[in-house]
Amino acid sequence: CDEVDEIIVEGARYYETPNEEEEG
């Protein structure tokens, strides 16, 4: 309600996790 538009932006990030099926 301040007569200025807010800006909504989508993003993504990835992070490494242990591979339970194939070690290494």
PDBML (XML) file of the C-alpha atoms, coordinates in Angstrom:
<?xml version="1.0" encoding="UTF-8" ?>
<PDBx:datablock datablockName="MODEL"
   xmlns:PDBx="http://pdbml.pdb.org/schema/pdbx-v50.xsd"
   xmlns:xsi="http://www.w3.org/2001/XMLSchema-instance"
   xsi:schemaLocation="http://pdbml.pdb.org/schema/pdbx-v50.xsd pdbx-v50.xsd">
   <PDBx:atom_siteCategory>
      <PDBx:atom_site id="1">
         <PDBx:B_iso_or_equiv>0.00</PDBx:B_iso_or_equiv>
         <PDBx:Cartn_x>0.000</PDBx:Cartn_x>
         <PDBx:Cartn_y>0.000</PDBx:Cartn_y>
         <PDBx:Cartn_z>0.000</PDBx:Cartn_z>
         <PDBx:auth_asym_id>A</PDBx:auth_asym_id>
         <PDBx:auth_atom_id>CA</PDBx:auth_atom_id>
         <PDBx:auth_comp_id>CYS</PDBx:auth_comp_id>
         <PDBx:auth_seq_id>1</PDBx:auth_seq_id>
         <PDBx:group_PDB>ATOM</PDBx:group_PDB>
         <PDBx:label_alt_id xsi:nil="true" />
         <PDBx:label_asym_id>A</PDBx:label_asym_id>
         <PDBx:label_atom_id>CA</PDBx:label_atom_id>
         <PDBx:label_comp_id>CYS</PDBx:label_comp_id>
         <PDBx:label_entity_id>1</PDBx:label_entity_id>
         <PDBx:label_seq_id>1</PDBx:label_seq_id>
         <PDBx:occupancy>1.00</PDBx:occupancy>
         <PDBx:pdbx_PDB_model_num>1</PDBx:pdbx_PDB_model_num>
         <PDBx:type_symbol>C</PDBx:type_symbol>
      </PDBx:atom_site>
      <PDBx:atom_site id="2">
         <PDBx:B_iso_or_equiv>0.00</PDBx:B_iso_or_equiv>
         <PDBx:Cartn_x>2.834</PDBx:Cartn_x>
         <PDBx:Cartn_y>2.410</PDBx:Cartn_y>
         <PDBx:Cartn_z>-0.757</PDBx:Cartn_z>
         <PDBx:auth_asym_id>A</PDBx:auth_asym_id>
         <PDBx:auth_atom_id>CA</PDBx:auth_atom_id>
         <PDBx:auth_comp_id>ASP</PDBx:auth_comp_id>
         <PDBx:auth_seq_id>2</PDBx:auth_seq_id>
         <PDBx:group_PDB>ATOM</PDBx:group_PDB>
         <PDBx:label_alt_id xsi:nil="true" />
         <PDBx:label_asym_id>A</PDBx:label_asym_id>
         <PDBx:label_atom_id>CA</PDBx:label_atom_id>
         <PDBx:label_comp_id>ASP</PDBx:label_comp_id>
         <PDBx:label_entity_id>1</PDBx:label_entity_id>
         <PDBx:label_seq_id>2</PDBx:label_seq_id>
         <PDBx:occupancy>1.00</PDBx:occupancy>
         <PDBx:pdbx_PDB_model_num>1</PDBx:pdbx_PDB_model_num>
         <PDBx:type_symbol>C</PDBx:type_symbol>
      </PDBx:atom_site>
      <PDBx:atom_site id="3">
         <PDBx:B_iso_or_equiv>0.00</PDBx:B_iso_or_equiv>
         <PDBx:Cartn_x>1.992</PDBx:Cartn_x>
         <PDBx:Cartn_y>2.748</PDBx:Cartn_y>
         <PDBx:Cartn_z>-4.476</PDBx:Cartn_z>
         <PDBx:auth_asym_id>A</PDBx:auth_asym_id>
         <PDBx:auth_atom_id>CA</PDBx:auth_atom_id>
         <PDBx:auth_comp_id>GLU</PDBx:auth_comp_id>
         <PDBx:auth_seq_id>3</PDBx:auth_seq_id>
         <PDBx:group_PDB>ATOM</PDBx:group_PDB>
         <PDBx:label_alt_id xsi:nil="true" />
         <PDBx:label_asym_id>A</PDBx:label_asym_id>
         <PDBx:label_atom_id>CA</PDBx:label_atom_id>
         <PDBx:label_comp_id>GLU</PDBx:label_comp_id>
         <PDBx:label_entity_id>1</PDBx:label_entity_id>
         <PDBx:label_seq_id>3</PDBx:label_seq_id>
         <PDBx:occupancy>1.00</PDBx:occupancy>
         <PDBx:pdbx_PDB_model_num>1</PDBx:pdbx_PDB_model_num>
         <PDBx:type_symbol>C</PDBx:type_symbol>
      </PDBx:atom_site>
      <PDBx:atom_site id="4">
         <PDBx:B_iso_or_equiv>0.00</PDBx:B_iso_or_equiv>
         <PDBx:Cartn_x>5.289</PDBx:Cartn_x>
         <PDBx:Cartn_y>1.056</PDBx:Cartn_y>
         <PDBx:Cartn_z>-5.404</PDBx:Cartn_z>
         <PDBx:auth_asym_id>A</PDBx:auth_asym_id>
         <PDBx:auth_atom_id>CA</PDBx:auth_atom_id>
         <PDBx:auth_comp_id>VAL</PDBx:auth_comp_id>
         <PDBx:auth_seq_id>4</PDBx:auth_seq_id>
         <PDBx:group_PDB>ATOM</PDBx:group_PDB>
         <PDBx:label_alt_id xsi:nil="true" />
         <PDBx:label_asym_id>A</PDBx:label_asym_id>
         <PDBx:label_atom_id>CA</PDBx:label_atom_id>
         <PDBx:label_comp_id>VAL</PDBx:label_comp_id>
         <PDBx:label_entity_id>1</PDBx:label_entity_id>
         <PDBx:label_seq_id>4</PDBx:label_seq_id>
         <PDBx:occupancy>1.00</PDBx:occupancy>
         <PDBx:pdbx_PDB_model_num>1</PDBx:pdbx_PDB_model_num>
         <PDBx:type_symbol>C</PDBx:type_symbol>
      </PDBx:atom_site>
      <PDBx:atom_site id="5">
         <PDBx:B_iso_or_equiv>0.00</PDBx:B_iso_or_equiv>
         <PDBx:Cartn_x>5.264</PDBx:Cartn_x>
         <PDBx:Cartn_y>-2.441</PDBx:Cartn_y>
         <PDBx:Cartn_z>-6.891</PDBx:Cartn_z>
         <PDBx:auth_asym_id>A</PDBx:auth_asym_id>
         <PDBx:auth_atom_id>CA</PDBx:auth_atom_id>
         <PDBx:auth_comp_id>ASP</PDBx:auth_comp_id>
         <PDBx:auth_seq_id>5</PDBx:auth_seq_id>
         <PDBx:group_PDB>ATOM</PDBx:group_PDB>
         <PDBx:label_alt_id xsi:nil="true" />
         <PDBx:label_asym_id>A</PDBx:label_asym_id>
         <PDBx:label_atom_id>CA</PDBx:label_atom_id>
         <PDBx:label_comp_id>ASP</PDBx:label_comp_id>
         <PDBx:label_entity_id>1</PDBx:label_entity_id>
         <PDBx:label_seq_id>5</PDBx:label_seq_id>
         <PDBx:occupancy>1.00</PDBx:occupancy>
         <PDBx:pdbx_PDB_model_num>1</PDBx:pdbx_PDB_model_num>
         <PDBx:type_symbol>C</PDBx:type_symbol>
      </PDBx:atom_site>
      <PDBx:atom_site id="6">
         <PDBx:B_iso_or_equiv>0.00</PDBx:B_iso_or_equiv>
         <PDBx:Cartn_x>7.095</PDBx:Cartn_x>
         <PDBx:Cartn_y>-5.209</PDBx:Cartn_y>
         <PDBx:Cartn_z>-5.097</PDBx:Cartn_z>
         <PDBx:auth_asym_id>A</PDBx:auth_asym_id>
         <PDBx:auth_atom_id>CA</PDBx:auth_atom_id>
         <PDBx:auth_comp_id>GLU</PDBx:auth_comp_id>
         <PDBx:auth_seq_id>6</PDBx:auth_seq_id>
         <PDBx:group_PDB>ATOM</PDBx:group_PDB>
         <PDBx:label_alt_id xsi:nil="true" />
         <PDBx:label_asym_id>A</PDBx:label_asym_id>
         <PDBx:label_atom_id>CA</PDBx:label_atom_id>
         <PDBx:label_comp_id>GLU</PDBx:label_comp_id>
         <PDBx:label_entity_id>1</PDBx:label_entity_id>
         <PDBx:label_seq_id>6</PDBx:label_seq_id>
         <PDBx:occupancy>1.00</PDBx:occupancy>
         <PDBx:pdbx_PDB_model_num>1</PDBx:pdbx_PDB_model_num>
         <PDBx:type_symbol>C</PDBx:type_symbol>
      </PDBx:atom_site>
      <PDBx:atom_site id="7">
         <PDBx:B_iso_or_equiv>0.00</PDBx:B_iso_or_equiv>
         <PDBx:Cartn_x>9.153</PDBx:Cartn_x>
         <PDBx:Cartn_y>-7.517</PDBx:Cartn_y>
         <PDBx:Cartn_z>-7.314</PDBx:Cartn_z>
         <PDBx:auth_asym_id>A</PDBx:auth_asym_id>
         <PDBx:auth_atom_id>CA</PDBx:auth_atom_id>
         <PDBx:auth_comp_id>ILE</PDBx:auth_comp_id>
         <PDBx:auth_seq_id>7</PDBx:auth_seq_id>
         <PDBx:group_PDB>ATOM</PDBx:group_PDB>
         <PDBx:label_alt_id xsi:nil="true" />
         <PDBx:label_asym_id>A</PDBx:label_asym_id>
         <PDBx:label_atom_id>CA</PDBx:label_atom_id>
         <PDBx:label_comp_id>ILE</PDBx:label_comp_id>
         <PDBx:label_entity_id>1</PDBx:label_entity_id>
         <PDBx:label_seq_id>7</PDBx:label_seq_id>
         <PDBx:occupancy>1.00</PDBx:occupancy>
         <PDBx:pdbx_PDB_model_num>1</PDBx:pdbx_PDB_model_num>
         <PDBx:type_symbol>C</PDBx:type_symbol>
      </PDBx:atom_site>
      <PDBx:atom_site id="8">
         <PDBx:B_iso_or_equiv>0.00</PDBx:B_iso_or_equiv>
         <PDBx:Cartn_x>8.793</PDBx:Cartn_x>
         <PDBx:Cartn_y>-11.287</PDBx:Cartn_y>
         <PDBx:Cartn_z>-6.955</PDBx:Cartn_z>
         <PDBx:auth_asym_id>A</PDBx:auth_asym_id>
         <PDBx:auth_atom_id>CA</PDBx:auth_atom_id>
         <PDBx:auth_comp_id>ILE</PDBx:auth_comp_id>
         <PDBx:auth_seq_id>8</PDBx:auth_seq_id>
         <PDBx:group_PDB>ATOM</PDBx:group_PDB>
         <PDBx:label_alt_id xsi:nil="true" />
         <PDBx:label_asym_id>A</PDBx:label_asym_id>
         <PDBx:label_atom_id>CA</PDBx:label_atom_id>
         <PDBx:label_comp_id>ILE</PDBx:label_comp_id>
         <PDBx:label_entity_id>1</PDBx:label_entity_id>
         <PDBx:label_seq_id>8</PDBx:label_seq_id>
         <PDBx:occupancy>1.00</PDBx:occupancy>
         <PDBx:pdbx_PDB_model_num>1</PDBx:pdbx_PDB_model_num>
         <PDBx:type_symbol>C</PDBx:type_symbol>
      </PDBx:atom_site>
      <PDBx:atom_site id="9">
         <PDBx:B_iso_or_equiv>0.00</PDBx:B_iso_or_equiv>
         <PDBx:Cartn_x>11.617</PDBx:Cartn_x>
         <PDBx:Cartn_y>-13.365</PDBx:Cartn_y>
         <PDBx:Cartn_z>-8.421</PDBx:Cartn_z>
         <PDBx:auth_asym_id>A</PDBx:auth_asym_id>
         <PDBx:auth_atom_id>CA</PDBx:auth_atom_id>
         <PDBx:auth_comp_id>VAL</PDBx:auth_comp_id>
         <PDBx:auth_seq_id>9</PDBx:auth_seq_id>
         <PDBx:group_PDB>ATOM</PDBx:group_PDB>
         <PDBx:label_alt_id xsi:nil="true" />
         <PDBx:label_asym_id>A</PDBx:label_asym_id>
         <PDBx:label_atom_id>CA</PDBx:label_atom_id>
         <PDBx:label_comp_id>VAL</PDBx:label_comp_id>
         <PDBx:label_entity_id>1</PDBx:label_entity_id>
         <PDBx:label_seq_id>9</PDBx:label_seq_id>
         <PDBx:occupancy>1.00</PDBx:occupancy>
         <PDBx:pdbx_PDB_model_num>1</PDBx:pdbx_PDB_model_num>
         <PDBx:type_symbol>C</PDBx:type_symbol>
      </PDBx:atom_site>
      <PDBx:atom_site id="10">
         <PDBx:B_iso_or_equiv>0.00</PDBx:B_iso_or_equiv>
         <PDBx:Cartn_x>12.071</PDBx:Cartn_x>
         <PDBx:Cartn_y>-17.140</PDBx:Cartn_y>
         <PDBx:Cartn_z>-8.465</PDBx:Cartn_z>
         <PDBx:auth_asym_id>A</PDBx:auth_asym_id>
         <PDBx:auth_atom_id>CA</PDBx:auth_atom_id>
         <PDBx:auth_comp_id>GLU</PDBx:auth_comp_id>
         <PDBx:auth_seq_id>10</PDBx:auth_seq_id>
         <PDBx:group_PDB>ATOM</PDBx:group_PDB>
         <PDBx:label_alt_id xsi:nil="true" />
         <PDBx:label_asym_id>A</PDBx:label_asym_id>
         <PDBx:label_atom_id>CA</PDBx:label_atom_id>
         <PDBx:label_comp_id>GLU</PDBx:label_comp_id>
         <PDBx:label_entity_id>1</PDBx:label_entity_id>
         <PDBx:label_seq_id>10</PDBx:label_seq_id>
         <PDBx:occupancy>1.00</PDBx:occupancy>
         <PDBx:pdbx_PDB_model_num>1</PDBx:pdbx_PDB_model_num>
         <PDBx:type_symbol>C</PDBx:type_symbol>
      </PDBx:atom_site>
      <PDBx:atom_site id="11">
         <PDBx:B_iso_or_equiv>0.00</PDBx:B_iso_or_equiv>
         <PDBx:Cartn_x>15.432</PDBx:Cartn_x>
         <PDBx:Cartn_y>-18.800</PDBx:Cartn_y>
         <PDBx:Cartn_z>-8.063</PDBx:Cartn_z>
         <PDBx:auth_asym_id>A</PDBx:auth_asym_id>
         <PDBx:auth_atom_id>CA</PDBx:auth_atom_id>
         <PDBx:auth_comp_id>GLY</PDBx:auth_comp_id>
         <PDBx:auth_seq_id>11</PDBx:auth_seq_id>
         <PDBx:group_PDB>ATOM</PDBx:group_PDB>
         <PDBx:label_alt_id xsi:nil="true" />
         <PDBx:label_asym_id>A</PDBx:label_asym_id>
         <PDBx:label_atom_id>CA</PDBx:label_atom_id>
         <PDBx:label_comp_id>GLY</PDBx:label_comp_id>
         <PDBx:label_entity_id>1</PDBx:label_entity_id>
         <PDBx:label_seq_id>11</PDBx:label_seq_id>
         <PDBx:occupancy>1.00</PDBx:occupancy>
         <PDBx:pdbx_PDB_model_num>1</PDBx:pdbx_PDB_model_num>
         <PDBx:type_symbol>C</PDBx:type_symbol>
      </PDBx:atom_site>
      <PDBx:atom_site id="12">
         <PDBx:B_iso_or_equiv>0.00</PDBx:B_iso_or_equiv>
         <PDBx:Cartn_x>17.098</PDBx:Cartn_x>
         <PDBx:Cartn_y>-22.146</PDBx:Cartn_y>
         <PDBx:Cartn_z>-7.491</PDBx:Cartn_z>
         <PDBx:auth_asym_id>A</PDBx:auth_asym_id>
         <PDBx:auth_atom_id>CA</PDBx:auth_atom_id>
         <PDBx:auth_comp_id>ALA</PDBx:auth_comp_id>
         <PDBx:auth_seq_id>12</PDBx:auth_seq_id>
         <PDBx:group_PDB>ATOM</PDBx:group_PDB>
         <PDBx:label_alt_id xsi:nil="true" />
         <PDBx:label_asym_id>A</PDBx:label_asym_id>
         <PDBx:label_atom_id>CA</PDBx:label_atom_id>
         <PDBx:label_comp_id>ALA</PDBx:label_comp_id>
         <PDBx:label_entity_id>1</PDBx:label_entity_id>
         <PDBx:label_seq_id>12</PDBx:label_seq_id>
         <PDBx:occupancy>1.00</PDBx:occupancy>
         <PDBx:pdbx_PDB_model_num>1</PDBx:pdbx_PDB_model_num>
         <PDBx:type_symbol>C</PDBx:type_symbol>
      </PDBx:atom_site>
      <PDBx:atom_site id="13">
         <PDBx:B_iso_or_equiv>0.00</PDBx:B_iso_or_equiv>
         <PDBx:Cartn_x>20.251</PDBx:Cartn_x>
         <PDBx:Cartn_y>-23.546</PDBx:Cartn_y>
         <PDBx:Cartn_z>-5.981</PDBx:Cartn_z>
         <PDBx:auth_asym_id>A</PDBx:auth_asym_id>
         <PDBx:auth_atom_id>CA</PDBx:auth_atom_id>
         <PDBx:auth_comp_id>ARG</PDBx:auth_comp_id>
         <PDBx:auth_seq_id>13</PDBx:auth_seq_id>
         <PDBx:group_PDB>ATOM</PDBx:group_PDB>
         <PDBx:label_alt_id xsi:nil="true" />
         <PDBx:label_asym_id>A</PDBx:label_asym_id>
         <PDBx:label_atom_id>CA</PDBx:label_atom_id>
         <PDBx:label_comp_id>ARG</PDBx:label_comp_id>
         <PDBx:label_entity_id>1</PDBx:label_entity_id>
         <PDBx:label_seq_id>13</PDBx:label_seq_id>
         <PDBx:occupancy>1.00</PDBx:occupancy>
         <PDBx:pdbx_PDB_model_num>1</PDBx:pdbx_PDB_model_num>
         <PDBx:type_symbol>C</PDBx:type_symbol>
      </PDBx:atom_site>
      <PDBx:atom_site id="14">
         <PDBx:B_iso_or_equiv>0.00</PDBx:B_iso_or_equiv>
         <PDBx:Cartn_x>21.741</PDBx:Cartn_x>
         <PDBx:Cartn_y>-27.008</PDBx:Cartn_y>
         <PDBx:Cartn_z>-5.861</PDBx:Cartn_z>
         <PDBx:auth_asym_id>A</PDBx:auth_asym_id>
         <PDBx:auth_atom_id>CA</PDBx:auth_atom_id>
         <PDBx:auth_comp_id>TYR</PDBx:auth_comp_id>
         <PDBx:auth_seq_id>14</PDBx:auth_seq_id>
         <PDBx:group_PDB>ATOM</PDBx:group_PDB>
         <PDBx:label_alt_id xsi:nil="true" />
         <PDBx:label_asym_id>A</PDBx:label_asym_id>
         <PDBx:label_atom_id>CA</PDBx:label_atom_id>
         <PDBx:label_comp_id>TYR</PDBx:label_comp_id>
         <PDBx:label_entity_id>1</PDBx:label_entity_id>
         <PDBx:label_seq_id>14</PDBx:label_seq_id>
         <PDBx:occupancy>1.00</PDBx:occupancy>
         <PDBx:pdbx_PDB_model_num>1</PDBx:pdbx_PDB_model_num>
         <PDBx:type_symbol>C</PDBx:type_symbol>
      </PDBx:atom_site>
      <PDBx:atom_site id="15">
         <PDBx:B_iso_or_equiv>0.00</PDBx:B_iso_or_equiv>
         <PDBx:Cartn_x>23.837</PDBx:Cartn_x>
         <PDBx:Cartn_y>-28.677</PDBx:Cartn_y>
         <PDBx:Cartn_z>-3.196</PDBx:Cartn_z>
         <PDBx:auth_asym_id>A</PDBx:auth_asym_id>
         <PDBx:auth_atom_id>CA</PDBx:auth_atom_id>
         <PDBx:auth_comp_id>TYR</PDBx:auth_comp_id>
         <PDBx:auth_seq_id>15</PDBx:auth_seq_id>
         <PDBx:group_PDB>ATOM</PDBx:group_PDB>
         <PDBx:label_alt_id xsi:nil="true" />
         <PDBx:label_asym_id>A</PDBx:label_asym_id>
         <PDBx:label_atom_id>CA</PDBx:label_atom_id>
         <PDBx:label_comp_id>TYR</PDBx:label_comp_id>
         <PDBx:label_entity_id>1</PDBx:label_entity_id>
         <PDBx:label_seq_id>15</PDBx:label_seq_id>
         <PDBx:occupancy>1.00</PDBx:occupancy>
         <PDBx:pdbx_PDB_model_num>1</PDBx:pdbx_PDB_model_num>
         <PDBx:type_symbol>C</PDBx:type_symbol>
      </PDBx:atom_site>
      <PDBx:atom_site id="16">
         <PDBx:B_iso_or_equiv>0.00</PDBx:B_iso_or_equiv>
         <PDBx:Cartn_x>25.699</PDBx:Cartn_x>
         <PDBx:Cartn_y>-31.937</PDBx:Cartn_y>
         <PDBx:Cartn_z>-3.131</PDBx:Cartn_z>
         <PDBx:auth_asym_id>A</PDBx:auth_asym_id>
         <PDBx:auth_atom_id>CA</PDBx:auth_atom_id>
         <PDBx:auth_comp_id>GLU</PDBx:auth_comp_id>
         <PDBx:auth_seq_id>16</PDBx:auth_seq_id>
         <PDBx:group_PDB>ATOM</PDBx:group_PDB>
         <PDBx:label_alt_id xsi:nil="true" />
         <PDBx:label_asym_id>A</PDBx:label_asym_id>
         <PDBx:label_atom_id>CA</PDBx:label_atom_id>
         <PDBx:label_comp_id>GLU</PDBx:label_comp_id>
         <PDBx:label_entity_id>1</PDBx:label_entity_id>
         <PDBx:label_seq_id>16</PDBx:label_seq_id>
         <PDBx:occupancy>1.00</PDBx:occupancy>
         <PDBx:pdbx_PDB_model_num>1</PDBx:pdbx_PDB_model_num>
         <PDBx:type_symbol>C</PDBx:type_symbol>
      </PDBx:atom_site>
      <PDBx:atom_site id="17">
         <PDBx:B_iso_or_equiv>0.00</PDBx:B_iso_or_equiv>
         <PDBx:Cartn_x>24.297</PDBx:Cartn_x>
         <PDBx:Cartn_y>-34.806</PDBx:Cartn_y>
         <PDBx:Cartn_z>-1.052</PDBx:Cartn_z>
         <PDBx:auth_asym_id>A</PDBx:auth_asym_id>
         <PDBx:auth_atom_id>CA</PDBx:auth_atom_id>
         <PDBx:auth_comp_id>THR</PDBx:auth_comp_id>
         <PDBx:auth_seq_id>17</PDBx:auth_seq_id>
         <PDBx:group_PDB>ATOM</PDBx:group_PDB>
         <PDBx:label_alt_id xsi:nil="true" />
         <PDBx:label_asym_id>A</PDBx:label_asym_id>
         <PDBx:label_atom_id>CA</PDBx:label_atom_id>
         <PDBx:label_comp_id>THR</PDBx:label_comp_id>
         <PDBx:label_entity_id>1</PDBx:label_entity_id>
         <PDBx:label_seq_id>17</PDBx:label_seq_id>
         <PDBx:occupancy>1.00</PDBx:occupancy>
         <PDBx:pdbx_PDB_model_num>1</PDBx:pdbx_PDB_model_num>
         <PDBx:type_symbol>C</PDBx:type_symbol>
      </PDBx:atom_site>
      <PDBx:atom_site id="18">
         <PDBx:B_iso_or_equiv>0.00</PDBx:B_iso_or_equiv>
         <PDBx:Cartn_x>25.504</PDBx:Cartn_x>
         <PDBx:Cartn_y>-38.360</PDBx:Cartn_y>
         <PDBx:Cartn_z>-0.360</PDBx:Cartn_z>
         <PDBx:auth_asym_id>A</PDBx:auth_asym_id>
         <PDBx:auth_atom_id>CA</PDBx:auth_atom_id>
         <PDBx:auth_comp_id>PRO</PDBx:auth_comp_id>
         <PDBx:auth_seq_id>18</PDBx:auth_seq_id>
         <PDBx:group_PDB>ATOM</PDBx:group_PDB>
         <PDBx:label_alt_id xsi:nil="true" />
         <PDBx:label_asym_id>A</PDBx:label_asym_id>
         <PDBx:label_atom_id>CA</PDBx:label_atom_id>
         <PDBx:label_comp_id>PRO</PDBx:label_comp_id>
         <PDBx:label_entity_id>1</PDBx:label_entity_id>
         <PDBx:label_seq_id>18</PDBx:label_seq_id>
         <PDBx:occupancy>1.00</PDBx:occupancy>
         <PDBx:pdbx_PDB_model_num>1</PDBx:pdbx_PDB_model_num>
         <PDBx:type_symbol>C</PDBx:type_symbol>
      </PDBx:atom_site>
      <PDBx:atom_site id="19">
         <PDBx:B_iso_or_equiv>0.00</PDBx:B_iso_or_equiv>
         <PDBx:Cartn_x>24.645</PDBx:Cartn_x>
         <PDBx:Cartn_y>-40.786</PDBx:Cartn_y>
         <PDBx:Cartn_z>-3.159</PDBx:Cartn_z>
         <PDBx:auth_asym_id>A</PDBx:auth_asym_id>
         <PDBx:auth_atom_id>CA</PDBx:auth_atom_id>
         <PDBx:auth_comp_id>ASN</PDBx:auth_comp_id>
         <PDBx:auth_seq_id>19</PDBx:auth_seq_id>
         <PDBx:group_PDB>ATOM</PDBx:group_PDB>
         <PDBx:label_alt_id xsi:nil="true" />
         <PDBx:label_asym_id>A</PDBx:label_asym_id>
         <PDBx:label_atom_id>CA</PDBx:label_atom_id>
         <PDBx:label_comp_id>ASN</PDBx:label_comp_id>
         <PDBx:label_entity_id>1</PDBx:label_entity_id>
         <PDBx:label_seq_id>19</PDBx:label_seq_id>
         <PDBx:occupancy>1.00</PDBx:occupancy>
         <PDBx:pdbx_PDB_model_num>1</PDBx:pdbx_PDB_model_num>
         <PDBx:type_symbol>C</PDBx:type_symbol>
      </PDBx:atom_site>
      <PDBx:atom_site id="20">
         <PDBx:B_iso_or_equiv>0.00</PDBx:B_iso_or_equiv>
         <PDBx:Cartn_x>22.966</PDBx:Cartn_x>
         <PDBx:Cartn_y>-43.690</PDBx:Cartn_y>
         <PDBx:Cartn_z>-1.373</PDBx:Cartn_z>
         <PDBx:auth_asym_id>A</PDBx:auth_asym_id>
         <PDBx:auth_atom_id>CA</PDBx:auth_atom_id>
         <PDBx:auth_comp_id>GLU</PDBx:auth_comp_id>
         <PDBx:auth_seq_id>20</PDBx:auth_seq_id>
         <PDBx:group_PDB>ATOM</PDBx:group_PDB>
         <PDBx:label_alt_id xsi:nil="true" />
         <PDBx:label_asym_id>A</PDBx:label_asym_id>
         <PDBx:label_atom_id>CA</PDBx:label_atom_id>
         <PDBx:label_comp_id>GLU</PDBx:label_comp_id>
         <PDBx:label_entity_id>1</PDBx:label_entity_id>
         <PDBx:label_seq_id>20</PDBx:label_seq_id>
         <PDBx:occupancy>1.00</PDBx:occupancy>
         <PDBx:pdbx_PDB_model_num>1</PDBx:pdbx_PDB_model_num>
         <PDBx:type_symbol>C</PDBx:type_symbol>
      </PDBx:atom_site>
      <PDBx:atom_site id="21">
         <PDBx:B_iso_or_equiv>0.00</PDBx:B_iso_or_equiv>
         <PDBx:Cartn_x>22.695</PDBx:Cartn_x>
         <PDBx:Cartn_y>-45.817</PDBx:Cartn_y>
         <PDBx:Cartn_z>-4.527</PDBx:Cartn_z>
         <PDBx:auth_asym_id>A</PDBx:auth_asym_id>
         <PDBx:auth_atom_id>CA</PDBx:auth_atom_id>
         <PDBx:auth_comp_id>GLU</PDBx:auth_comp_id>
         <PDBx:auth_seq_id>21</PDBx:auth_seq_id>
         <PDBx:group_PDB>ATOM</PDBx:group_PDB>
         <PDBx:label_alt_id xsi:nil="true" />
         <PDBx:label_asym_id>A</PDBx:label_asym_id>
         <PDBx:label_atom_id>CA</PDBx:label_atom_id>
         <PDBx:label_comp_id>GLU</PDBx:label_comp_id>
         <PDBx:label_entity_id>1</PDBx:label_entity_id>
         <PDBx:label_seq_id>21</PDBx:label_seq_id>
         <PDBx:occupancy>1.00</PDBx:occupancy>
         <PDBx:pdbx_PDB_model_num>1</PDBx:pdbx_PDB_model_num>
         <PDBx:type_symbol>C</PDBx:type_symbol>
      </PDBx:atom_site>
      <PDBx:atom_site id="22">
         <PDBx:B_iso_or_equiv>0.00</PDBx:B_iso_or_equiv>
         <PDBx:Cartn_x>26.170</PDBx:Cartn_x>
         <PDBx:Cartn_y>-45.482</PDBx:Cartn_y>
         <PDBx:Cartn_z>-6.069</PDBx:Cartn_z>
         <PDBx:auth_asym_id>A</PDBx:auth_asym_id>
         <PDBx:auth_atom_id>CA</PDBx:auth_atom_id>
         <PDBx:auth_comp_id>GLU</PDBx:auth_comp_id>
         <PDBx:auth_seq_id>22</PDBx:auth_seq_id>
         <PDBx:group_PDB>ATOM</PDBx:group_PDB>
         <PDBx:label_alt_id xsi:nil="true" />
         <PDBx:label_asym_id>A</PDBx:label_asym_id>
         <PDBx:label_atom_id>CA</PDBx:label_atom_id>
         <PDBx:label_comp_id>GLU</PDBx:label_comp_id>
         <PDBx:label_entity_id>1</PDBx:label_entity_id>
         <PDBx:label_seq_id>22</PDBx:label_seq_id>
         <PDBx:occupancy>1.00</PDBx:occupancy>
         <PDBx:pdbx_PDB_model_num>1</PDBx:pdbx_PDB_model_num>
         <PDBx:type_symbol>C</PDBx:type_symbol>
      </PDBx:atom_site>
      <PDBx:atom_site id="23">
         <PDBx:B_iso_or_equiv>0.00</PDBx:B_iso_or_equiv>
         <PDBx:Cartn_x>29.012</PDBx:Cartn_x>
         <PDBx:Cartn_y>-44.659</PDBx:Cartn_y>
         <PDBx:Cartn_z>-3.697</PDBx:Cartn_z>
         <PDBx:auth_asym_id>A</PDBx:auth_asym_id>
         <PDBx:auth_atom_id>CA</PDBx:auth_atom_id>
         <PDBx:auth_comp_id>GLU</PDBx:auth_comp_id>
         <PDBx:auth_seq_id>23</PDBx:auth_seq_id>
         <PDBx:group_PDB>ATOM</PDBx:group_PDB>
         <PDBx:label_alt_id xsi:nil="true" />
         <PDBx:label_asym_id>A</PDBx:label_asym_id>
         <PDBx:label_atom_id>CA</PDBx:label_atom_id>
         <PDBx:label_comp_id>GLU</PDBx:label_comp_id>
         <PDBx:label_entity_id>1</PDBx:label_entity_id>
         <PDBx:label_seq_id>23</PDBx:label_seq_id>
         <PDBx:occupancy>1.00</PDBx:occupancy>
         <PDBx:pdbx_PDB_model_num>1</PDBx:pdbx_PDB_model_num>
         <PDBx:type_symbol>C</PDBx:type_symbol>
      </PDBx:atom_site>
      <PDBx:atom_site id="24">
         <PDBx:B_iso_or_equiv>0.00</PDBx:B_iso_or_equiv>
         <PDBx:Cartn_x>31.579</PDBx:Cartn_x>
         <PDBx:Cartn_y>-42.283</PDBx:Cartn_y>
         <PDBx:Cartn_z>-5.106</PDBx:Cartn_z>
         <PDBx:auth_asym_id>A</PDBx:auth_asym_id>
         <PDBx:auth_atom_id>CA</PDBx:auth_atom_id>
         <PDBx:auth_comp_id>GLY</PDBx:auth_comp_id>
         <PDBx:auth_seq_id>24</PDBx:auth_seq_id>
         <PDBx:group_PDB>ATOM</PDBx:group_PDB>
         <PDBx:label_alt_id xsi:nil="true" />
         <PDBx:label_asym_id>A</PDBx:label_asym_id>
         <PDBx:label_atom_id>CA</PDBx:label_atom_id>
         <PDBx:label_comp_id>GLY</PDBx:label_comp_id>
         <PDBx:label_entity_id>1</PDBx:label_entity_id>
         <PDBx:label_seq_id>24</PDBx:label_seq_id>
         <PDBx:occupancy>1.00</PDBx:occupancy>
         <PDBx:pdbx_PDB_model_num>1</PDBx:pdbx_PDB_model_num>
         <PDBx:type_symbol>C</PDBx:type_symbol>
      </PDBx:atom_site>
   </PDBx:atom_siteCategory>
</PDBx:datablock>
